[in-house]
Amino acid sequence: MTFPDGSRPYMLRVTPDGKHVWVQTARAATNVVLDTDTMEVVQTTATGRGPVHAMVSPDGRHGLVTHTEEDFVLALDGTTGAEITRIDVGGSQTNLTFTPDGARAFVSVSSDDAVAAIDMRSLTVSGRIKVGGQPLGLVVLDSNPS
């Protein structure tokens, strides 16, 4: 596997289907997609400054990347890792999670002491929750586990 020059691999997530690993490279500002069988690079996508966390939606359709030095969440194609759009959340972010059905993502907007809700169909912010204290981690529990 080859990462971009100057990269500093930071966080990683395995896609829901187990076929890829997404790795954020903080210094190189990229999201690198690796094949889990070969560990070869499948896709490298430029992100904003300070990519810190990524996660692919439960249905595998979209991936989101948060940033410690940008006001947007980067939305990527969940299969290829290519950029789809940038979603303005109004401040730097740290963590994210999806509802079990993948309809919404929640992003901790640490610089604004808030959590932004993202509608995954429209890839837009559908609401904000003021929480205080620079939120970092998020967990959504399934109230009706199967």
N, C-alpha and C. Protein backbone atom coordinates (compact mmCIF):
# COMPACT_ATOMS: atom_id res chain seq x y z
N MET A 1 0.84 -1.17 0.00
CA MET A 1 0.00 0.00 0.00
C MET A 1 0.89 1.23 0.00
N THR A 2 0.45 2.24 -0.71
CA THR A 2 1.20 3.49 -0.79
C THR A 2 0.28 4.64 -0.43
N PHE A 3 0.69 5.40 0.58
CA PHE A 3 -0.06 6.59 0.97
C PHE A 3 0.59 7.81 0.36
N PRO A 4 -0.15 8.92 0.23
CA PRO A 4 0.43 10.14 -0.33
C PRO A 4 1.63 10.60 0.48
N ASP A 5 2.59 11.25 -0.20
CA ASP A 5 3.77 11.80 0.48
C ASP A 5 3.34 12.72 1.62
N GLY A 6 4.03 12.59 2.74
CA GLY A 6 3.76 13.46 3.89
C GLY A 6 2.52 13.10 4.66
N SER A 7 1.85 12.01 4.27
CA SER A 7 0.61 11.67 4.95
C SER A 7 0.90 11.16 6.36
N ARG A 8 -0.11 11.27 7.15
CA ARG A 8 -0.05 10.76 8.52
C ARG A 8 -1.37 10.03 8.74
N PRO A 9 -1.43 8.73 8.38
CA PRO A 9 -2.68 7.99 8.56
C PRO A 9 -3.17 8.14 9.99
N TYR A 10 -4.46 8.47 10.12
CA TYR A 10 -4.98 8.84 11.42
C TYR A 10 -6.06 7.90 11.91
N MET A 11 -7.17 7.86 11.23
CA MET A 11 -8.30 7.01 11.63
C MET A 11 -8.64 6.09 10.47
N LEU A 12 -9.32 4.99 10.79
CA LEU A 12 -9.76 4.10 9.73
C LEU A 12 -11.10 3.49 10.09
N ARG A 13 -11.84 3.11 9.05
CA ARG A 13 -13.13 2.43 9.20
C ARG A 13 -13.26 1.41 8.09
N VAL A 14 -13.81 0.26 8.43
CA VAL A 14 -14.12 -0.76 7.45
C VAL A 14 -15.53 -0.49 6.95
N THR A 15 -15.74 -0.62 5.63
CA THR A 15 -17.06 -0.41 5.05
C THR A 15 -18.02 -1.51 5.51
N PRO A 16 -19.33 -1.24 5.49
CA PRO A 16 -20.29 -2.22 5.97
C PRO A 16 -20.19 -3.59 5.29
N ASP A 17 -19.78 -3.62 4.02
CA ASP A 17 -19.66 -4.91 3.32
C ASP A 17 -18.33 -5.60 3.58
N GLY A 18 -17.43 -4.94 4.30
CA GLY A 18 -16.15 -5.53 4.64
C GLY A 18 -15.12 -5.55 3.52
N LYS A 19 -15.43 -4.92 2.40
CA LYS A 19 -14.53 -4.99 1.24
C LYS A 19 -13.45 -3.92 1.22
N HIS A 20 -13.68 -2.81 1.93
CA HIS A 20 -12.73 -1.70 1.90
C HIS A 20 -12.47 -1.14 3.29
N VAL A 21 -11.31 -0.51 3.41
CA VAL A 21 -10.95 0.24 4.61
C VAL A 21 -10.72 1.68 4.16
N TRP A 22 -11.36 2.61 4.86
CA TRP A 22 -11.15 4.03 4.59
C TRP A 22 -10.21 4.58 5.63
N VAL A 23 -9.16 5.28 5.18
CA VAL A 23 -8.14 5.84 6.08
C VAL A 23 -7.99 7.33 5.78
N GLN A 24 -8.03 8.15 6.83
CA GLN A 24 -7.80 9.58 6.67
C GLN A 24 -6.32 9.88 6.92
N THR A 25 -5.75 10.68 6.02
CA THR A 25 -4.35 11.06 6.16
C THR A 25 -4.30 12.54 6.48
N ALA A 26 -4.12 12.84 7.76
CA ALA A 26 -4.25 14.21 8.26
C ALA A 26 -3.35 15.21 7.54
N ARG A 27 -2.08 14.93 7.43
CA ARG A 27 -1.16 15.91 6.82
C ARG A 27 -1.33 16.04 5.32
N ALA A 28 -1.66 14.94 4.65
CA ALA A 28 -1.84 14.99 3.20
C ALA A 28 -3.25 15.39 2.80
N ALA A 29 -4.16 15.46 3.78
CA ALA A 29 -5.56 15.86 3.54
C ALA A 29 -6.21 15.00 2.46
N THR A 30 -6.22 13.69 2.71
CA THR A 30 -6.85 12.77 1.77
C THR A 30 -7.63 11.70 2.53
N ASN A 31 -8.52 11.06 1.79
CA ASN A 31 -9.18 9.83 2.25
C ASN A 31 -8.69 8.74 1.30
N VAL A 32 -8.06 7.73 1.87
CA VAL A 32 -7.52 6.64 1.07
C VAL A 32 -8.39 5.41 1.28
N VAL A 33 -8.84 4.80 0.18
CA VAL A 33 -9.65 3.59 0.24
C VAL A 33 -8.74 2.41 -0.11
N LEU A 34 -8.70 1.42 0.81
CA LEU A 34 -7.88 0.23 0.60
C LEU A 34 -8.78 -0.99 0.39
N ASP A 35 -8.35 -1.90 -0.45
CA ASP A 35 -9.01 -3.19 -0.63
C ASP A 35 -8.61 -4.06 0.57
N THR A 36 -9.57 -4.63 1.29
CA THR A 36 -9.24 -5.39 2.50
C THR A 36 -8.52 -6.70 2.19
N ASP A 37 -8.72 -7.27 1.01
CA ASP A 37 -8.03 -8.51 0.67
C ASP A 37 -6.56 -8.30 0.32
N THR A 38 -6.29 -7.23 -0.45
CA THR A 38 -4.93 -7.01 -0.94
C THR A 38 -4.20 -5.88 -0.22
N MET A 39 -4.97 -5.04 0.49
CA MET A 39 -4.45 -3.82 1.13
C MET A 39 -3.84 -2.85 0.12
N GLU A 40 -4.23 -2.98 -1.14
CA GLU A 40 -3.82 -2.05 -2.18
C GLU A 40 -4.75 -0.85 -2.18
N VAL A 41 -4.22 0.30 -2.59
CA VAL A 41 -5.01 1.53 -2.68
C VAL A 41 -5.96 1.43 -3.87
N VAL A 42 -7.25 1.63 -3.60
CA VAL A 42 -8.28 1.61 -4.64
C VAL A 42 -8.57 3.03 -5.11
N GLN A 43 -8.59 3.98 -4.17
CA GLN A 43 -8.94 5.37 -4.49
C GLN A 43 -8.31 6.28 -3.46
N THR A 44 -7.80 7.41 -3.91
CA THR A 44 -7.34 8.47 -3.02
C THR A 44 -8.08 9.74 -3.41
N THR A 45 -8.79 10.33 -2.44
CA THR A 45 -9.59 11.52 -2.70
C THR A 45 -9.12 12.65 -1.82
N ALA A 46 -8.91 13.82 -2.40
CA ALA A 46 -8.56 15.01 -1.62
C ALA A 46 -9.72 15.38 -0.72
N THR A 47 -9.40 15.74 0.51
CA THR A 47 -10.42 16.19 1.47
C THR A 47 -10.11 17.65 1.79
N GLY A 48 -10.77 18.16 2.81
CA GLY A 48 -10.40 19.46 3.33
C GLY A 48 -9.24 19.30 4.31
N ARG A 49 -8.87 20.40 4.95
CA ARG A 49 -7.77 20.37 5.92
C ARG A 49 -8.20 19.65 7.19
N GLY A 50 -7.33 18.80 7.69
CA GLY A 50 -7.58 18.12 8.95
C GLY A 50 -8.64 17.04 8.92
N PRO A 51 -8.63 16.13 7.92
CA PRO A 51 -9.62 15.06 7.96
C PRO A 51 -9.38 14.20 9.20
N VAL A 52 -10.45 13.91 9.93
CA VAL A 52 -10.25 13.24 11.21
C VAL A 52 -11.03 11.94 11.35
N HIS A 53 -12.16 11.82 10.69
CA HIS A 53 -12.99 10.63 10.87
C HIS A 53 -13.83 10.41 9.62
N ALA A 54 -14.05 9.16 9.28
CA ALA A 54 -14.91 8.83 8.14
C ALA A 54 -15.75 7.62 8.49
N MET A 55 -16.89 7.54 7.85
CA MET A 55 -17.78 6.39 8.05
C MET A 55 -18.65 6.26 6.82
N VAL A 56 -18.90 5.01 6.42
CA VAL A 56 -19.78 4.73 5.29
C VAL A 56 -21.15 4.36 5.84
N SER A 57 -22.19 4.88 5.19
CA SER A 57 -23.57 4.63 5.63
C SER A 57 -23.87 3.13 5.63
N PRO A 58 -24.83 2.71 6.46
CA PRO A 58 -25.16 1.29 6.54
C PRO A 58 -25.50 0.64 5.20
N ASP A 59 -26.09 1.41 4.27
CA ASP A 59 -26.43 0.84 2.96
C ASP A 59 -25.25 0.90 1.99
N GLY A 60 -24.14 1.49 2.41
CA GLY A 60 -22.94 1.56 1.59
C GLY A 60 -22.97 2.60 0.50
N ARG A 61 -24.03 3.39 0.44
CA ARG A 61 -24.19 4.36 -0.66
C ARG A 61 -23.28 5.58 -0.53
N HIS A 62 -23.16 6.12 0.69
CA HIS A 62 -22.36 7.33 0.90
C HIS A 62 -21.38 7.14 2.04
N GLY A 63 -20.30 7.87 1.95
CA GLY A 63 -19.37 7.99 3.06
C GLY A 63 -19.24 9.45 3.42
N LEU A 64 -18.99 9.73 4.69
CA LEU A 64 -18.78 11.10 5.14
C LEU A 64 -17.42 11.20 5.81
N VAL A 65 -16.75 12.35 5.61
CA VAL A 65 -15.46 12.62 6.24
C VAL A 65 -15.60 13.92 7.02
N THR A 66 -15.22 13.88 8.31
CA THR A 66 -15.23 15.10 9.13
C THR A 66 -13.84 15.73 9.14
N HIS A 67 -13.80 17.02 9.51
CA HIS A 67 -12.55 17.79 9.48
C HIS A 67 -12.40 18.64 10.74
N THR A 68 -11.19 18.71 11.25
CA THR A 68 -10.91 19.58 12.39
C THR A 68 -10.57 21.00 11.96
N GLU A 69 -10.37 21.22 10.66
CA GLU A 69 -9.96 22.55 10.20
C GLU A 69 -10.84 23.09 9.08
N GLU A 70 -12.04 22.57 8.94
CA GLU A 70 -12.97 23.04 7.90
C GLU A 70 -14.37 23.15 8.48
N ASP A 71 -15.26 23.86 7.78
CA ASP A 71 -16.66 24.00 8.19
C ASP A 71 -17.57 23.05 7.43
N PHE A 72 -17.00 22.14 6.64
CA PHE A 72 -17.84 21.23 5.86
C PHE A 72 -17.50 19.77 6.15
N VAL A 73 -18.51 18.93 5.94
CA VAL A 73 -18.36 17.48 5.95
C VAL A 73 -18.30 17.07 4.48
N LEU A 74 -17.35 16.26 4.13
CA LEU A 74 -17.20 15.81 2.76
C LEU A 74 -18.02 14.55 2.54
N ALA A 75 -18.91 14.58 1.54
CA ALA A 75 -19.72 13.41 1.18
C ALA A 75 -19.07 12.74 -0.02
N LEU A 76 -18.81 11.43 0.13
CA LEU A 76 -18.15 10.66 -0.91
C LEU A 76 -19.04 9.50 -1.35
N ASP A 77 -18.82 9.03 -2.57
CA ASP A 77 -19.49 7.84 -3.04
C ASP A 77 -18.99 6.67 -2.19
N GLY A 78 -19.91 5.91 -1.61
CA GLY A 78 -19.54 4.83 -0.71
C GLY A 78 -18.83 3.67 -1.36
N THR A 79 -18.94 3.55 -2.67
CA THR A 79 -18.28 2.46 -3.38
C THR A 79 -16.92 2.87 -3.91
N THR A 80 -16.86 4.03 -4.55
CA THR A 80 -15.61 4.46 -5.20
C THR A 80 -14.77 5.38 -4.33
N GLY A 81 -15.40 6.09 -3.38
CA GLY A 81 -14.66 7.06 -2.59
C GLY A 81 -14.52 8.41 -3.27
N ALA A 82 -15.14 8.60 -4.44
CA ALA A 82 -15.05 9.87 -5.17
C ALA A 82 -15.96 10.92 -4.51
N GLU A 83 -15.54 12.18 -4.59
CA GLU A 83 -16.31 13.27 -3.99
C GLU A 83 -17.66 13.46 -4.68
N ILE A 84 -18.71 13.64 -3.83
CA ILE A 84 -20.04 13.97 -4.32
C ILE A 84 -20.34 15.43 -4.05
N THR A 85 -20.19 15.85 -2.77
CA THR A 85 -20.48 17.23 -2.41
C THR A 85 -19.84 17.55 -1.07
N ARG A 86 -19.86 18.83 -0.72
CA ARG A 86 -19.40 19.31 0.58
C ARG A 86 -20.61 19.90 1.30
N ILE A 87 -20.83 19.43 2.54
CA ILE A 87 -22.00 19.84 3.31
C ILE A 87 -21.56 20.80 4.40
N ASP A 88 -21.97 22.07 4.31
CA ASP A 88 -21.59 23.07 5.30
C ASP A 88 -22.32 22.80 6.61
N VAL A 89 -21.55 22.55 7.68
CA VAL A 89 -22.15 22.30 9.00
C VAL A 89 -21.85 23.43 9.98
N GLY A 90 -21.17 24.48 9.51
CA GLY A 90 -20.98 25.68 10.33
C GLY A 90 -19.85 25.66 11.33
N GLY A 91 -18.95 24.70 11.23
CA GLY A 91 -17.82 24.67 12.14
C GLY A 91 -17.03 23.38 12.01
N SER A 92 -15.90 23.32 12.69
CA SER A 92 -15.06 22.12 12.64
C SER A 92 -15.73 20.97 13.36
N GLN A 93 -15.45 19.77 12.89
CA GLN A 93 -16.13 18.58 13.40
C GLN A 93 -15.11 17.55 13.88
N THR A 94 -15.62 16.57 14.63
CA THR A 94 -14.77 15.47 15.05
C THR A 94 -15.36 14.14 14.63
N ASN A 95 -16.46 13.73 15.21
CA ASN A 95 -16.97 12.39 15.02
C ASN A 95 -18.31 12.41 14.28
N LEU A 96 -18.73 11.24 13.82
CA LEU A 96 -20.03 11.11 13.18
C LEU A 96 -20.56 9.71 13.37
N THR A 97 -21.85 9.57 13.19
CA THR A 97 -22.50 8.27 13.23
C THR A 97 -23.77 8.33 12.40
N PHE A 98 -24.28 7.16 12.04
CA PHE A 98 -25.52 7.07 11.27
C PHE A 98 -26.61 6.43 12.11
N THR A 99 -27.86 6.77 11.77
CA THR A 99 -28.97 6.02 12.34
C THR A 99 -28.90 4.61 11.75
N PRO A 100 -29.44 3.60 12.44
CA PRO A 100 -29.35 2.23 11.92
C PRO A 100 -29.89 2.05 10.50
N ASP A 101 -30.91 2.84 10.13
CA ASP A 101 -31.45 2.72 8.77
C ASP A 101 -30.68 3.56 7.75
N GLY A 102 -29.71 4.34 8.20
CA GLY A 102 -28.89 5.14 7.31
C GLY A 102 -29.56 6.38 6.77
N ALA A 103 -30.74 6.72 7.23
CA ALA A 103 -31.47 7.89 6.71
C ALA A 103 -30.85 9.20 7.16
N ARG A 104 -30.20 9.20 8.33
CA ARG A 104 -29.60 10.41 8.88
C ARG A 104 -28.21 10.10 9.40
N ALA A 105 -27.38 11.12 9.35
CA ALA A 105 -26.07 11.08 10.01
C ALA A 105 -26.07 12.19 11.04
N PHE A 106 -25.36 11.98 12.11
CA PHE A 106 -25.17 13.00 13.14
C PHE A 106 -23.69 13.28 13.24
N VAL A 107 -23.34 14.58 13.24
CA VAL A 107 -21.95 15.01 13.24
C VAL A 107 -21.72 15.93 14.42
N SER A 108 -20.70 15.65 15.21
CA SER A 108 -20.37 16.54 16.32
C SER A 108 -19.60 17.74 15.77
N VAL A 109 -20.21 18.92 15.89
CA VAL A 109 -19.60 20.17 15.43
C VAL A 109 -18.98 20.81 16.67
N SER A 110 -17.78 20.39 16.96
CA SER A 110 -17.12 20.75 18.21
C SER A 110 -16.91 22.25 18.39
N SER A 111 -16.56 22.93 17.32
CA SER A 111 -16.29 24.36 17.42
C SER A 111 -17.54 25.18 17.69
N ASP A 112 -18.73 24.59 17.49
CA ASP A 112 -20.00 25.29 17.69
C ASP A 112 -20.82 24.68 18.83
N ASP A 113 -20.22 23.74 19.58
CA ASP A 113 -20.93 23.09 20.69
C ASP A 113 -22.29 22.57 20.25
N ALA A 114 -22.29 21.86 19.11
CA ALA A 114 -23.56 21.40 18.54
C ALA A 114 -23.38 20.05 17.85
N VAL A 115 -24.51 19.44 17.55
CA VAL A 115 -24.55 18.24 16.72
C VAL A 115 -25.42 18.60 15.51
N ALA A 116 -24.90 18.35 14.33
CA ALA A 116 -25.65 18.61 13.09
C ALA A 116 -26.25 17.30 12.61
N ALA A 117 -27.53 17.35 12.22
CA ALA A 117 -28.20 16.20 11.62
C ALA A 117 -28.16 16.38 10.11
N ILE A 118 -27.72 15.35 9.40
CA ILE A 118 -27.63 15.40 7.94
C ILE A 118 -28.63 14.41 7.36
N ASP A 119 -29.48 14.91 6.47
CA ASP A 119 -30.41 14.06 5.74
C ASP A 119 -29.60 13.39 4.62
N MET A 120 -29.50 12.08 4.63
CA MET A 120 -28.65 11.38 3.68
C MET A 120 -29.26 11.26 2.28
N ARG A 121 -30.53 11.54 2.13
CA ARG A 121 -31.13 11.55 0.78
C ARG A 121 -30.74 12.83 0.04
N SER A 122 -30.86 13.96 0.75
CA SER A 122 -30.57 15.25 0.12
C SER A 122 -29.14 15.72 0.36
N LEU A 123 -28.43 15.07 1.28
CA LEU A 123 -27.08 15.46 1.68
C LEU A 123 -27.03 16.92 2.10
N THR A 124 -27.99 17.28 2.96
CA THR A 124 -28.05 18.63 3.51
C THR A 124 -28.28 18.54 5.02
N VAL A 125 -27.95 19.62 5.71
CA VAL A 125 -28.20 19.69 7.15
C VAL A 125 -29.70 19.87 7.35
N SER A 126 -30.30 18.98 8.13
CA SER A 126 -31.74 19.05 8.37
C SER A 126 -32.06 19.59 9.76
N GLY A 127 -31.04 19.78 10.60
CA GLY A 127 -31.26 20.32 11.92
C GLY A 127 -29.97 20.40 12.72
N ARG A 128 -30.05 21.13 13.83
CA ARG A 128 -28.89 21.28 14.73
C ARG A 128 -29.39 21.16 16.16
N ILE A 129 -28.56 20.56 16.99
CA ILE A 129 -28.87 20.41 18.41
C ILE A 129 -27.71 21.05 19.18
N LYS A 130 -28.01 22.08 19.96
CA LYS A 130 -26.98 22.70 20.81
C LYS A 130 -26.73 21.76 21.98
N VAL A 131 -25.47 21.41 22.22
CA VAL A 131 -25.15 20.47 23.30
C VAL A 131 -24.13 21.02 24.29
N GLY A 132 -23.31 21.98 23.89
CA GLY A 132 -22.31 22.55 24.78
C GLY A 132 -21.12 21.64 24.99
N GLY A 133 -20.04 22.22 25.46
CA GLY A 133 -18.87 21.47 25.86
C GLY A 133 -18.08 20.77 24.78
N GLN A 134 -18.00 21.30 23.60
CA GLN A 134 -17.22 20.74 22.50
C GLN A 134 -17.44 19.23 22.33
N PRO A 135 -18.58 18.81 21.81
CA PRO A 135 -18.87 17.38 21.67
C PRO A 135 -17.85 16.67 20.80
N LEU A 136 -17.52 15.47 21.19
CA LEU A 136 -16.55 14.68 20.42
C LEU A 136 -17.18 13.41 19.86
N GLY A 137 -17.52 12.46 20.71
CA GLY A 137 -18.02 11.18 20.25
C GLY A 137 -19.54 11.14 20.16
N LEU A 138 -20.05 10.26 19.32
CA LEU A 138 -21.49 10.10 19.12
C LEU A 138 -21.82 8.62 18.97
N VAL A 139 -22.97 8.23 19.49
CA VAL A 139 -23.48 6.88 19.31
C VAL A 139 -24.99 7.00 19.14
N VAL A 140 -25.54 6.30 18.16
CA VAL A 140 -26.99 6.21 17.98
C VAL A 140 -27.37 4.77 18.27
N LEU A 141 -28.27 4.58 19.20
CA LEU A 141 -28.71 3.24 19.56
C LEU A 141 -29.98 2.88 18.82
N ASP A 142 -30.06 1.66 18.37
CA ASP A 142 -31.25 1.16 17.70
C ASP A 142 -32.26 0.75 18.78
N SER A 143 -33.39 1.47 18.84
CA SER A 143 -34.39 1.18 19.87
C SER A 143 -35.20 -0.07 19.55
N ASN A 144 -35.07 -0.57 18.33
CA ASN A 144 -35.79 -1.79 17.92
C ASN A 144 -34.81 -2.77 17.27
N PRO A 145 -33.84 -3.28 18.04
CA PRO A 145 -32.87 -4.20 17.42
C PRO A 145 -33.55 -5.48 16.95
N SER A 146 -33.08 -6.01 15.86
CA SER A 146 -33.69 -7.24 15.32
C SER A 146 -33.08 -8.48 15.93
